[in-house]
Amino acid sequence: MSDRFPDVNANQIIKIARKLGFEFIRQCGTSHAMYMRSEDKKRTTIPIHGKKSLKRKTIKAICQDLEITIDELKDLL
């Protein structure tokens, strides 16, 4: 795994989640959206803060939810 985290925002993460089969479930207020993959019931919450970049720890947690590595995330961008 490389040391560099990609600079991604919520819209980019949402596109990747959809590529991996996750579908929109609901939105919590205006700041978080929940996505679920129906085949195995995996869920993830993606913070939506406009075009601001997500923090490294948030990206890492979302990658664990999506069951991908940082390198796979870079490839999907």
Foldseek 3Di string as FASTA:
>chain_A
DDPDADFAAQVLLVVVLVVLQWDWDAADPQFKTKTARVVVGQIDIGTHDDRHTDDPVNVVVVCVSSVHDRVVSVVSD
